[in-house]
Amino acid sequence: AYVATRVAGDRGQIAGAMGAVNTDAILSRLG
């Protein structure tokens, strides 16, 4: 997800403006 959105630029300019990512897996690490 980081590479897709921050490196490859597959996103808009504001939070959440991006394609599908594994939200459950990412948020589970927030604890």
mmCIF file of all heavy atoms, coordinates in Angstrom:
data_MODEL
# 
_entry.id   MODEL 
# 
loop_
_atom_site.group_PDB 
_atom_site.id 
_atom_site.type_symbol 
_atom_site.label_atom_id 
_atom_site.label_alt_id 
_atom_site.label_comp_id 
_atom_site.label_asym_id 
_atom_site.label_entity_id 
_atom_site.label_seq_id 
_atom_site.pdbx_PDB_ins_code 
_atom_site.Cartn_x 
_atom_site.Cartn_y 
_atom_site.Cartn_z 
_atom_site.occupancy 
_atom_site.B_iso_or_equiv 
_atom_site.pdbx_formal_charge 
_atom_site.auth_seq_id 
_atom_site.auth_comp_id 
_atom_site.auth_asym_id 
_atom_site.auth_atom_id 
_atom_site.pdbx_PDB_model_num 
ATOM 1   N N   . ALA A 1 1  ? 0.832   -1.208 0.000  1.00 0.00 ? 1  ALA A N   1 
ATOM 2   C CA  . ALA A 1 1  ? 0.000   0.000  0.000  1.00 0.00 ? 1  ALA A CA  1 
ATOM 3   C C   . ALA A 1 1  ? 0.860   1.249  0.000  1.00 0.00 ? 1  ALA A C   1 
ATOM 4   O O   . ALA A 1 1  ? 0.540   2.247  -0.671 1.00 0.00 ? 1  ALA A O   1 
ATOM 5   C CB  . ALA A 1 1  ? -0.937  -0.004 1.209  1.00 0.00 ? 1  ALA A CB  1 
ATOM 6   N N   . TYR A 1 2  ? 1.963   1.230  0.759  1.00 0.00 ? 2  TYR A N   1 
ATOM 7   C CA  . TYR A 1 2  ? 2.838   2.410  0.788  1.00 0.00 ? 2  TYR A CA  1 
ATOM 8   C C   . TYR A 1 2  ? 3.454   2.654  -0.582 1.00 0.00 ? 2  TYR A C   1 
ATOM 9   O O   . TYR A 1 2  ? 3.477   3.798  -1.077 1.00 0.00 ? 2  TYR A O   1 
ATOM 10  C CB  . TYR A 1 2  ? 3.938   2.232  1.834  1.00 0.00 ? 2  TYR A CB  1 
ATOM 11  C CG  . TYR A 1 2  ? 4.690   3.516  2.126  1.00 0.00 ? 2  TYR A CG  1 
ATOM 12  C CD1 . TYR A 1 2  ? 4.299   4.343  3.163  1.00 0.00 ? 2  TYR A CD1 1 
ATOM 13  C CD2 . TYR A 1 2  ? 5.766   3.918  1.335  1.00 0.00 ? 2  TYR A CD2 1 
ATOM 14  C CE1 . TYR A 1 2  ? 4.962   5.538  3.429  1.00 0.00 ? 2  TYR A CE1 1 
ATOM 15  C CE2 . TYR A 1 2  ? 6.441   5.105  1.589  1.00 0.00 ? 2  TYR A CE2 1 
ATOM 16  C CZ  . TYR A 1 2  ? 6.029   5.908  2.637  1.00 0.00 ? 2  TYR A CZ  1 
ATOM 17  O OH  . TYR A 1 2  ? 6.683   7.101  2.874  1.00 0.00 ? 2  TYR A OH  1 
ATOM 18  N N   . VAL A 1 3  ? 3.957   1.622  -1.212 1.00 0.00 ? 3  VAL A N   1 
ATOM 19  C CA  . VAL A 1 3  ? 4.564   1.785  -2.531 1.00 0.00 ? 3  VAL A CA  1 
ATOM 20  C C   . VAL A 1 3  ? 3.532   2.268  -3.545 1.00 0.00 ? 3  VAL A C   1 
ATOM 21  O O   . VAL A 1 3  ? 3.796   3.175  -4.343 1.00 0.00 ? 3  VAL A O   1 
ATOM 22  C CB  . VAL A 1 3  ? 5.212   0.465  -2.992 1.00 0.00 ? 3  VAL A CB  1 
ATOM 23  C CG1 . VAL A 1 3  ? 5.640   0.554  -4.453 1.00 0.00 ? 3  VAL A CG1 1 
ATOM 24  C CG2 . VAL A 1 3  ? 6.413   0.134  -2.117 1.00 0.00 ? 3  VAL A CG2 1 
ATOM 25  N N   . ALA A 1 4  ? 2.342   1.674  -3.503 1.00 0.00 ? 4  ALA A N   1 
ATOM 26  C CA  . ALA A 1 4  ? 1.309   2.052  -4.467 1.00 0.00 ? 4  ALA A CA  1 
ATOM 27  C C   . ALA A 1 4  ? 0.927   3.517  -4.336 1.00 0.00 ? 4  ALA A C   1 
ATOM 28  O O   . ALA A 1 4  ? 0.773   4.228  -5.339 1.00 0.00 ? 4  ALA A O   1 
ATOM 29  C CB  . ALA A 1 4  ? 0.078   1.164  -4.292 1.00 0.00 ? 4  ALA A CB  1 
ATOM 30  N N   . THR A 1 5  ? 0.782   3.984  -3.101 1.00 0.00 ? 5  THR A N   1 
ATOM 31  C CA  . THR A 1 5  ? 0.239   5.325  -2.894 1.00 0.00 ? 5  THR A CA  1 
ATOM 32  C C   . THR A 1 5  ? 1.311   6.406  -2.811 1.00 0.00 ? 5  THR A C   1 
ATOM 33  O O   . THR A 1 5  ? 1.142   7.499  -3.348 1.00 0.00 ? 5  THR A O   1 
ATOM 34  C CB  . THR A 1 5  ? -0.603  5.347  -1.607 1.00 0.00 ? 5  THR A CB  1 
ATOM 35  O OG1 . THR A 1 5  ? 0.186   4.893  -0.505 1.00 0.00 ? 5  THR A OG1 1 
ATOM 36  C CG2 . THR A 1 5  ? -1.830  4.445  -1.757 1.00 0.00 ? 5  THR A CG2 1 
ATOM 37  N N   . ARG A 1 6  ? 2.413   6.129  -2.134 1.00 0.00 ? 6  ARG A N   1 
ATOM 38  C CA  . ARG A 1 6  ? 3.438   7.155  -1.926 1.00 0.00 ? 6  ARG A CA  1 
ATOM 39  C C   . ARG A 1 6  ? 4.527   7.135  -3.001 1.00 0.00 ? 6  ARG A C   1 
ATOM 40  O O   . ARG A 1 6  ? 5.070   8.188  -3.334 1.00 0.00 ? 6  ARG A O   1 
ATOM 41  C CB  . ARG A 1 6  ? 4.111   6.972  -0.564 1.00 0.00 ? 6  ARG A CB  1 
ATOM 42  C CG  . ARG A 1 6  ? 3.394   7.649  0.599  1.00 0.00 ? 6  ARG A CG  1 
ATOM 43  C CD  . ARG A 1 6  ? 2.075   7.036  0.905  1.00 0.00 ? 6  ARG A CD  1 
ATOM 44  N NE  . ARG A 1 6  ? 1.480   7.579  2.128  1.00 0.00 ? 6  ARG A NE  1 
ATOM 45  C CZ  . ARG A 1 6  ? 0.237   7.368  2.472  1.00 0.00 ? 6  ARG A CZ  1 
ATOM 46  N NH1 . ARG A 1 6  ? -0.571  6.632  1.706  1.00 0.00 ? 6  ARG A NH1 1 
ATOM 47  N NH2 . ARG A 1 6  ? -0.252  7.889  3.582  1.00 0.00 ? 6  ARG A NH2 1 
ATOM 48  N N   . VAL A 1 7  ? 4.851   5.969  -3.516 1.00 0.00 ? 7  VAL A N   1 
ATOM 49  C CA  . VAL A 1 7  ? 5.951   5.847  -4.465 1.00 0.00 ? 7  VAL A CA  1 
ATOM 50  C C   . VAL A 1 7  ? 5.448   5.846  -5.897 1.00 0.00 ? 7  VAL A C   1 
ATOM 51  O O   . VAL A 1 7  ? 5.912   6.615  -6.742 1.00 0.00 ? 7  VAL A O   1 
ATOM 52  C CB  . VAL A 1 7  ? 6.774   4.580  -4.164 1.00 0.00 ? 7  VAL A CB  1 
ATOM 53  C CG1 . VAL A 1 7  ? 7.836   4.347  -5.237 1.00 0.00 ? 7  VAL A CG1 1 
ATOM 54  C CG2 . VAL A 1 7  ? 7.422   4.688  -2.778 1.00 0.00 ? 7  VAL A CG2 1 
ATOM 55  N N   . ALA A 1 8  ? 4.469   4.980  -6.176 1.00 0.00 ? 8  ALA A N   1 
ATOM 56  C CA  . ALA A 1 8  ? 3.918   4.922  -7.534 1.00 0.00 ? 8  ALA A CA  1 
ATOM 57  C C   . ALA A 1 8  ? 2.911   6.033  -7.795 1.00 0.00 ? 8  ALA A C   1 
ATOM 58  O O   . ALA A 1 8  ? 2.572   6.303  -8.952 1.00 0.00 ? 8  ALA A O   1 
ATOM 59  C CB  . ALA A 1 8  ? 3.280   3.556  -7.773 1.00 0.00 ? 8  ALA A CB  1 
ATOM 60  N N   . GLY A 1 9  ? 2.426   6.649  -6.739 1.00 0.00 ? 9  GLY A N   1 
ATOM 61  C CA  . GLY A 1 9  ? 1.535   7.804  -6.905 1.00 0.00 ? 9  GLY A CA  1 
ATOM 62  C C   . GLY A 1 9  ? 0.121   7.462  -7.313 1.00 0.00 ? 9  GLY A C   1 
ATOM 63  O O   . GLY A 1 9  ? -0.575  8.285  -7.916 1.00 0.00 ? 9  GLY A O   1 
ATOM 64  N N   . ASP A 1 10 ? -0.342  6.252  -6.968 1.00 0.00 ? 10 ASP A N   1 
ATOM 65  C CA  . ASP A 1 10 ? -1.693  5.826  -7.333 1.00 0.00 ? 10 ASP A CA  1 
ATOM 66  C C   . ASP A 1 10 ? -2.676  6.318  -6.284 1.00 0.00 ? 10 ASP A C   1 
ATOM 67  O O   . ASP A 1 10 ? -3.244  5.550  -5.526 1.00 0.00 ? 10 ASP A O   1 
ATOM 68  C CB  . ASP A 1 10 ? -1.720  4.303  -7.463 1.00 0.00 ? 10 ASP A CB  1 
ATOM 69  C CG  . ASP A 1 10 ? -3.075  3.788  -7.953 1.00 0.00 ? 10 ASP A CG  1 
ATOM 70  O OD1 . ASP A 1 10 ? -3.836  4.598  -8.507 1.00 0.00 ? 10 ASP A OD1 1 
ATOM 71  O OD2 . ASP A 1 10 ? -3.341  2.578  -7.769 1.00 0.00 ? 10 ASP A OD2 1 
ATOM 72  N N   . ARG A 1 11 ? -2.856  7.636  -6.258 1.00 0.00 ? 11 ARG A N   1 
ATOM 73  C CA  . ARG A 1 11 ? -3.737  8.223  -5.247 1.00 0.00 ? 11 ARG A CA  1 
ATOM 74  C C   . ARG A 1 11 ? -4.014  9.676  -5.581 1.00 0.00 ? 11 ARG A C   1 
ATOM 75  O O   . ARG A 1 11 ? -3.358  10.292 -6.441 1.00 0.00 ? 11 ARG A O   1 
ATOM 76  C CB  . ARG A 1 11 ? -3.088  8.150  -3.865 1.00 0.00 ? 11 ARG A CB  1 
ATOM 77  C CG  . ARG A 1 11 ? -1.763  8.905  -3.763 1.00 0.00 ? 11 ARG A CG  1 
ATOM 78  C CD  . ARG A 1 11 ? -1.327  9.108  -2.325 1.00 0.00 ? 11 ARG A CD  1 
ATOM 79  N NE  . ARG A 1 11 ? -2.313  9.905  -1.594 1.00 0.00 ? 11 ARG A NE  1 
ATOM 80  C CZ  . ARG A 1 11 ? -2.572  9.745  -0.310 1.00 0.00 ? 11 ARG A CZ  1 
ATOM 81  N NH1 . ARG A 1 11 ? -1.945  8.836  0.394  1.00 0.00 ? 11 ARG A NH1 1 
ATOM 82  N NH2 . ARG A 1 11 ? -3.478  10.504 0.293  1.00 0.00 ? 11 ARG A NH2 1 
ATOM 83  N N   . GLY A 1 12 ? -4.992  10.235 -4.877 1.00 0.00 ? 12 GLY A N   1 
ATOM 84  C CA  . GLY A 1 12 ? -5.258  11.663 -4.981 1.00 0.00 ? 12 GLY A CA  1 
ATOM 85  C C   . GLY A 1 12 ? -4.400  12.431 -3.987 1.00 0.00 ? 12 GLY A C   1 
ATOM 86  O O   . GLY A 1 12 ? -3.380  11.943 -3.509 1.00 0.00 ? 12 GLY A O   1 
ATOM 87  N N   . GLN A 1 13 ? -4.849  13.622 -3.645 1.00 0.00 ? 13 GLN A N   1 
ATOM 88  C CA  . GLN A 1 13 ? -4.050  14.512 -2.810 1.00 0.00 ? 13 GLN A CA  1 
ATOM 89  C C   . GLN A 1 13 ? -4.509  14.576 -1.362 1.00 0.00 ? 13 GLN A C   1 
ATOM 90  O O   . GLN A 1 13 ? -3.901  15.275 -0.553 1.00 0.00 ? 13 GLN A O   1 
ATOM 91  C CB  . GLN A 1 13 ? -4.073  15.926 -3.406 1.00 0.00 ? 13 GLN A CB  1 
ATOM 92  C CG  . GLN A 1 13 ? -3.446  16.013 -4.794 1.00 0.00 ? 13 GLN A CG  1 
ATOM 93  C CD  . GLN A 1 13 ? -1.977  15.651 -4.774 1.00 0.00 ? 13 GLN A CD  1 
ATOM 94  O OE1 . GLN A 1 13 ? -1.211  16.161 -3.964 1.00 0.00 ? 13 GLN A OE1 1 
ATOM 95  N NE2 . GLN A 1 13 ? -1.569  14.759 -5.676 1.00 0.00 ? 13 GLN A NE2 1 
ATOM 96  N N   . ILE A 1 14 ? -5.581  13.874 -1.003 1.00 0.00 ? 14 ILE A N   1 
ATOM 97  C CA  . ILE A 1 14 ? -6.092  13.950 0.359  1.00 0.00 ? 14 ILE A CA  1 
ATOM 98  C C   . ILE A 1 14 ? -6.224  12.552 0.944  1.00 0.00 ? 14 ILE A C   1 
ATOM 99  O O   . ILE A 1 14 ? -6.212  11.547 0.222  1.00 0.00 ? 14 ILE A O   1 
ATOM 100 C CB  . ILE A 1 14 ? -7.450  14.684 0.420  1.00 0.00 ? 14 ILE A CB  1 
ATOM 101 C CG1 . ILE A 1 14 ? -8.480  14.013 -0.498 1.00 0.00 ? 14 ILE A CG1 1 
ATOM 102 C CG2 . ILE A 1 14 ? -7.288  16.151 0.053  1.00 0.00 ? 14 ILE A CG2 1 
ATOM 103 C CD1 . ILE A 1 14 ? -9.858  14.631 -0.417 1.00 0.00 ? 14 ILE A CD1 1 
ATOM 104 N N   . ALA A 1 15 ? -6.368  12.467 2.245  1.00 0.00 ? 15 ALA A N   1 
ATOM 105 C CA  . ALA A 1 15 ? -6.423  11.175 2.927  1.00 0.00 ? 15 ALA A CA  1 
ATOM 106 C C   . ALA A 1 15 ? -7.593  10.343 2.430  1.00 0.00 ? 15 ALA A C   1 
ATOM 107 O O   . ALA A 1 15 ? -8.715  10.835 2.307  1.00 0.00 ? 15 ALA A O   1 
ATOM 108 C CB  . ALA A 1 15 ? -6.539  11.389 4.435  1.00 0.00 ? 15 ALA A CB  1 
ATOM 109 N N   . GLY A 1 16 ? -7.341  9.089  2.157  1.00 0.00 ? 16 GLY A N   1 
ATOM 110 C CA  . GLY A 1 16 ? -8.382  8.173  1.715  1.00 0.00 ? 16 GLY A CA  1 
ATOM 111 C C   . GLY A 1 16 ? -8.643  8.184  0.232  1.00 0.00 ? 16 GLY A C   1 
ATOM 112 O O   . GLY A 1 16 ? -9.407  7.353  -0.260 1.00 0.00 ? 16 GLY A O   1 
ATOM 113 N N   . ALA A 1 17 ? -8.026  9.117  -0.488 1.00 0.00 ? 17 ALA A N   1 
ATOM 114 C CA  . ALA A 1 17 ? -8.229  9.197  -1.943 1.00 0.00 ? 17 ALA A CA  1 
ATOM 115 C C   . ALA A 1 17 ? -7.259  8.240  -2.623 1.00 0.00 ? 17 ALA A C   1 
ATOM 116 O O   . ALA A 1 17 ? -6.229  8.640  -3.175 1.00 0.00 ? 17 ALA A O   1 
ATOM 117 C CB  . ALA A 1 17 ? -8.013  10.630 -2.427 1.00 0.00 ? 17 ALA A CB  1 
ATOM 118 N N   . MET A 1 18 ? -7.579  6.955  -2.539 1.00 0.00 ? 18 MET A N   1 
ATOM 119 C CA  . MET A 1 18 ? -6.690  5.934  -3.086 1.00 0.00 ? 18 MET A CA  1 
ATOM 120 C C   . MET A 1 18 ? -7.491  4.695  -3.420 1.00 0.00 ? 18 MET A C   1 
ATOM 121 O O   . MET A 1 18 ? -8.660  4.547  -3.026 1.00 0.00 ? 18 MET A O   1 
ATOM 122 C CB  . MET A 1 18 ? -5.588  5.593  -2.079 1.00 0.00 ? 18 MET A CB  1 
ATOM 123 C CG  . MET A 1 18 ? -6.087  5.007  -0.773 1.00 0.00 ? 18 MET A CG  1 
ATOM 124 S SD  . MET A 1 18 ? -4.729  4.656  0.363  1.00 0.00 ? 18 MET A SD  1 
ATOM 125 C CE  . MET A 1 18 ? -5.609  3.765  1.655  1.00 0.00 ? 18 MET A CE  1 
ATOM 126 N N   . GLY A 1 19 ? -6.866  3.768  -4.141 1.00 0.00 ? 19 GLY A N   1 
ATOM 127 C CA  . GLY A 1 19 ? -7.522  2.529  -4.526 1.00 0.00 ? 19 GLY A CA  1 
ATOM 128 C C   . GLY A 1 19 ? -7.593  1.548  -3.370 1.00 0.00 ? 19 GLY A C   1 
ATOM 129 O O   . GLY A 1 19 ? -7.269  1.858  -2.221 1.00 0.00 ? 19 GLY A O   1 
ATOM 130 N N   . ALA A 1 20 ? -8.000  0.331  -3.688 1.00 0.00 ? 20 ALA A N   1 
ATOM 131 C CA  . ALA A 1 20 ? -8.215  -0.685 -2.668 1.00 0.00 ? 20 ALA A CA  1 
ATOM 132 C C   . ALA A 1 20 ? -6.905  -1.091 -1.999 1.00 0.00 ? 20 ALA A C   1 
ATOM 133 O O   . ALA A 1 20 ? -5.879  -1.284 -2.660 1.00 0.00 ? 20 ALA A O   1 
ATOM 134 C CB  . ALA A 1 20 ? -8.875  -1.908 -3.294 1.00 0.00 ? 20 ALA A CB  1 
ATOM 135 N N   . VAL A 1 21 ? -6.924  -1.180 -0.681 1.00 0.00 ? 21 VAL A N   1 
ATOM 136 C CA  . VAL A 1 21 ? -5.823  -1.706 0.112  1.00 0.00 ? 21 VAL A CA  1 
ATOM 137 C C   . VAL A 1 21 ? -6.419  -2.635 1.160  1.00 0.00 ? 21 VAL A C   1 
ATOM 138 O O   . VAL A 1 21 ? -7.633  -2.664 1.376  1.00 0.00 ? 21 VAL A O   1 
ATOM 139 C CB  . VAL A 1 21 ? -5.012  -0.580 0.801  1.00 0.00 ? 21 VAL A CB  1 
ATOM 140 C CG1 . VAL A 1 21 ? -4.369  0.337  -0.218 1.00 0.00 ? 21 VAL A CG1 1 
ATOM 141 C CG2 . VAL A 1 21 ? -5.895  0.221  1.760  1.00 0.00 ? 21 VAL A CG2 1 
ATOM 142 N N   . ASN A 1 22 ? -5.587  -3.392 1.810  1.00 0.00 ? 22 ASN A N   1 
ATOM 143 C CA  . ASN A 1 22 ? -6.053  -4.311 2.851  1.00 0.00 ? 22 ASN A CA  1 
ATOM 144 C C   . ASN A 1 22 ? -6.212  -3.532 4.151  1.00 0.00 ? 22 ASN A C   1 
ATOM 145 O O   . ASN A 1 22 ? -5.329  -3.522 5.004  1.00 0.00 ? 22 ASN A O   1 
ATOM 146 C CB  . ASN A 1 22 ? -5.064  -5.461 3.019  1.00 0.00 ? 22 ASN A CB  1 
ATOM 147 C CG  . ASN A 1 22 ? -5.618  -6.580 3.900  1.00 0.00 ? 22 ASN A CG  1 
ATOM 148 O OD1 . ASN A 1 22 ? -6.530  -6.364 4.694  1.00 0.00 ? 22 ASN A OD1 1 
ATOM 149 N ND2 . ASN A 1 22 ? -5.053  -7.762 3.762  1.00 0.00 ? 22 ASN A ND2 1 
ATOM 150 N N   . THR A 1 23 ? -7.350  -2.878 4.289  1.00 0.00 ? 23 THR A N   1 
ATOM 151 C CA  . THR A 1 23 ? -7.549  -1.981 5.437  1.00 0.00 ? 23 THR A CA  1 
ATOM 152 C C   . THR A 1 23 ? -7.517  -2.733 6.759  1.00 0.00 ? 23 THR A C   1 
ATOM 153 O O   . THR A 1 23 ? -6.949  -2.242 7.742  1.00 0.00 ? 23 THR A O   1 
ATOM 154 C CB  . THR A 1 23 ? -8.883  -1.222 5.313  1.00 0.00 ? 23 THR A CB  1 
ATOM 155 O OG1 . THR A 1 23 ? -9.948  -2.164 5.152  1.00 0.00 ? 23 THR A OG1 1 
ATOM 156 C CG2 . THR A 1 23 ? -8.861  -0.276 4.126  1.00 0.00 ? 23 THR A CG2 1 
ATOM 157 N N   . ASP A 1 24 ? -8.103  -3.927 6.815  1.00 0.00 ? 24 ASP A N   1 
ATOM 158 C CA  . ASP A 1 24 ? -8.123  -4.666 8.081  1.00 0.00 ? 24 ASP A CA  1 
ATOM 159 C C   . ASP A 1 24 ? -6.709  -5.001 8.540  1.00 0.00 ? 24 ASP A C   1 
ATOM 160 O O   . ASP A 1 24 ? -6.379  -4.846 9.726  1.00 0.00 ? 24 ASP A O   1 
ATOM 161 C CB  . ASP A 1 24 ? -8.943  -5.952 7.926  1.00 0.00 ? 24 ASP A CB  1 
ATOM 162 C CG  . ASP A 1 24 ? -10.436 -5.691 7.782  1.00 0.00 ? 24 ASP A CG  1 
ATOM 163 O OD1 . ASP A 1 24 ? -10.870 -4.563 8.121  1.00 0.00 ? 24 ASP A OD1 1 
ATOM 164 O OD2 . ASP A 1 24 ? -11.157 -6.585 7.325  1.00 0.00 ? 24 ASP A OD2 1 
ATOM 165 N N   . ALA A 1 25 ? -5.876  -5.452 7.616  1.00 0.00 ? 25 ALA A N   1 
ATOM 166 C CA  . ALA A 1 25 ? -4.506  -5.824 7.983  1.00 0.00 ? 25 ALA A CA  1 
ATOM 167 C C   . ALA A 1 25 ? -3.706  -4.610 8.415  1.00 0.00 ? 25 ALA A C   1 
ATOM 168 O O   . ALA A 1 25 ? -2.923  -4.665 9.371  1.00 0.00 ? 25 ALA A O   1 
ATOM 169 C CB  . ALA A 1 25 ? -3.829  -6.523 6.814  1.00 0.00 ? 25 ALA A CB  1 
ATOM 170 N N   . ILE A 1 26 ? -3.881  -3.489 7.731  1.00 0.00 ? 26 ILE A N   1 
ATOM 171 C CA  . ILE A 1 26 ? -3.142  -2.272 8.078  1.00 0.00 ? 26 ILE A CA  1 
ATOM 172 C C   . ILE A 1 26 ? -3.572  -1.754 9.441  1.00 0.00 ? 26 ILE A C   1 
ATOM 173 O O   . ILE A 1 26 ? -2.737  -1.439 10.297 1.00 0.00 ? 26 ILE A O   1 
ATOM 174 C CB  . ILE A 1 26 ? -3.343  -1.200 6.992  1.00 0.00 ? 26 ILE A CB  1 
ATOM 175 C CG1 . ILE A 1 26 ? -2.695  -1.649 5.678  1.00 0.00 ? 26 ILE A CG1 1 
ATOM 176 C CG2 . ILE A 1 26 ? -2.765  0.140  7.444  1.00 0.00 ? 26 ILE A CG2 1 
ATOM 177 C CD1 . ILE A 1 26 ? -3.045  -0.774 4.497  1.00 0.00 ? 26 ILE A CD1 1 
ATOM 178 N N   . LEU A 1 27 ? -4.880  -1.679 9.680  1.00 0.00 ? 27 LEU A N   1 
ATOM 179 C CA  . LEU A 1 27 ? -5.369  -1.117 10.934 1.00 0.00 ? 27 LEU A CA  1 
ATOM 180 C C   . LEU A 1 27 ? -5.123  -2.046 12.119 1.00 0.00 ? 27 LEU A C   1 
ATOM 181 O O   . LEU A 1 27 ? -5.017  -1.575 13.258 1.00 0.00 ? 27 LEU A O   1 
ATOM 182 C CB  . LEU A 1 27 ? -6.864  -0.793 10.814 1.00 0.00 ? 27 LEU A CB  1 
ATOM 183 C CG  . LEU A 1 27 ? -7.201  0.352  9.860  1.00 0.00 ? 27 LEU A CG  1 
ATOM 184 C CD1 . LEU A 1 27 ? -8.708  0.536  9.746  1.00 0.00 ? 27 LEU A CD1 1 
ATOM 185 C CD2 . LEU A 1 27 ? -6.545  1.648  10.325 1.00 0.00 ? 27 LEU A CD2 1 
ATOM 186 N N   . SER A 1 28 ? -5.004  -3.344 11.871 1.00 0.00 ? 28 SER A N   1 
ATOM 187 C CA  . SER A 1 28 ? -4.744  -4.262 12.983 1.00 0.00 ? 28 SER A CA  1 
ATOM 188 C C   . SER A 1 28 ? -3.394  -3.969 13.629 1.00 0.00 ? 28 SER A C   1 
ATOM 189 O O   . SER A 1 28 ? -3.188  -4.237 14.813 1.00 0.00 ? 28 SER A O   1 
ATOM 190 C CB  . SER A 1 28 ? -4.780  -5.709 12.489 1.00 0.00 ? 28 SER A CB  1 
ATOM 191 O OG  . SER A 1 28 ? -3.670  -5.988 11.641 1.00 0.00 ? 28 SER A OG  1 
ATOM 192 N N   . ARG A 1 29 ? -2.461  -3.400 12.871 1.00 0.00 ? 29 ARG A N   1 
ATOM 193 C CA  . ARG A 1 29 ? -1.134  -3.106 13.408 1.00 0.00 ? 29 ARG A CA  1 
ATOM 194 C C   . ARG A 1 29 ? -1.127  -1.851 14.276 1.00 0.00 ? 29 ARG A C   1 
ATOM 195 O O   . ARG A 1 29 ? -0.163  -1.605 15.009 1.00 0.00 ? 29 ARG A O   1 
ATOM 196 C CB  . ARG A 1 29 ? -0.131  -2.975 12.261 1.00 0.00 ? 29 ARG A CB  1 
ATOM 197 C CG  . ARG A 1 29 ? 0.090   -4.296 11.559 1.00 0.00 ? 29 ARG A CG  1 
ATOM 198 C CD  . ARG A 1 29 ? 0.989   -4.161 10.363 1.00 0.00 ? 29 ARG A CD  1 
ATOM 199 N NE  . ARG A 1 29 ? 2.329   -3.689 10.681 1.00 0.00 ? 29 ARG A NE  1 
ATOM 200 C CZ  . ARG A 1 29 ? 3.294   -4.423 11.235 1.00 0.00 ? 29 ARG A CZ  1 
ATOM 201 N NH1 . ARG A 1 29 ? 3.062   -5.685 11.566 1.00 0.00 ? 29 ARG A NH1 1 
ATOM 202 N NH2 . ARG A 1 29 ? 4.492   -3.913 11.457 1.00 0.00 ? 29 ARG A NH2 1 
ATOM 203 N N   . LEU A 1 30 ? -2.194  -1.083 14.195 1.00 0.00 ? 30 LEU A N   1 
ATOM 204 C CA  . LEU A 1 30 ? -2.295  0.103  15.040 1.00 0.00 ? 30 LEU A CA  1 
ATOM 205 C C   . LEU A 1 30 ? -2.490  -0.284 16.494 1.00 0.00 ? 30 LEU A C   1 
ATOM 206 O O   . LEU A 1 30 ? -2.122  0.464  17.411 1.00 0.00 ? 30 LEU A O   1 
ATOM 207 C CB  . LEU A 1 30 ? -3.439  0.985  14.549 1.00 0.00 ? 30 LEU A CB  1 
ATOM 208 C CG  . LEU A 1 30 ? -3.583  2.377  15.144 1.00 0.00 ? 30 LEU A CG  1 
ATOM 209 C CD1 . LEU A 1 30 ? -2.328  3.195  14.926 1.00 0.00 ? 30 LEU A CD1 1 
ATOM 210 C CD2 . LEU A 1 30 ? -4.789  3.077  14.521 1.00 0.00 ? 30 LEU A CD2 1 
ATOM 211 N N   . GLY A 1 31 ? -3.098  -1.449 16.717 1.00 0.00 ? 31 GLY A N   1 
ATOM 212 C CA  . GLY A 1 31 ? -3.240  -1.952 18.078 1.00 0.00 ? 31 GLY A CA  1 
ATOM 213 C C   . GLY A 1 31 ? -4.222  -1.182 18.919 1.00 0.00 ? 31 GLY A C   1 
ATOM 214 O O   . GLY A 1 31 ? -4.155  -1.213 20.147 1.00 0.00 ? 31 GLY A O   1 
# 
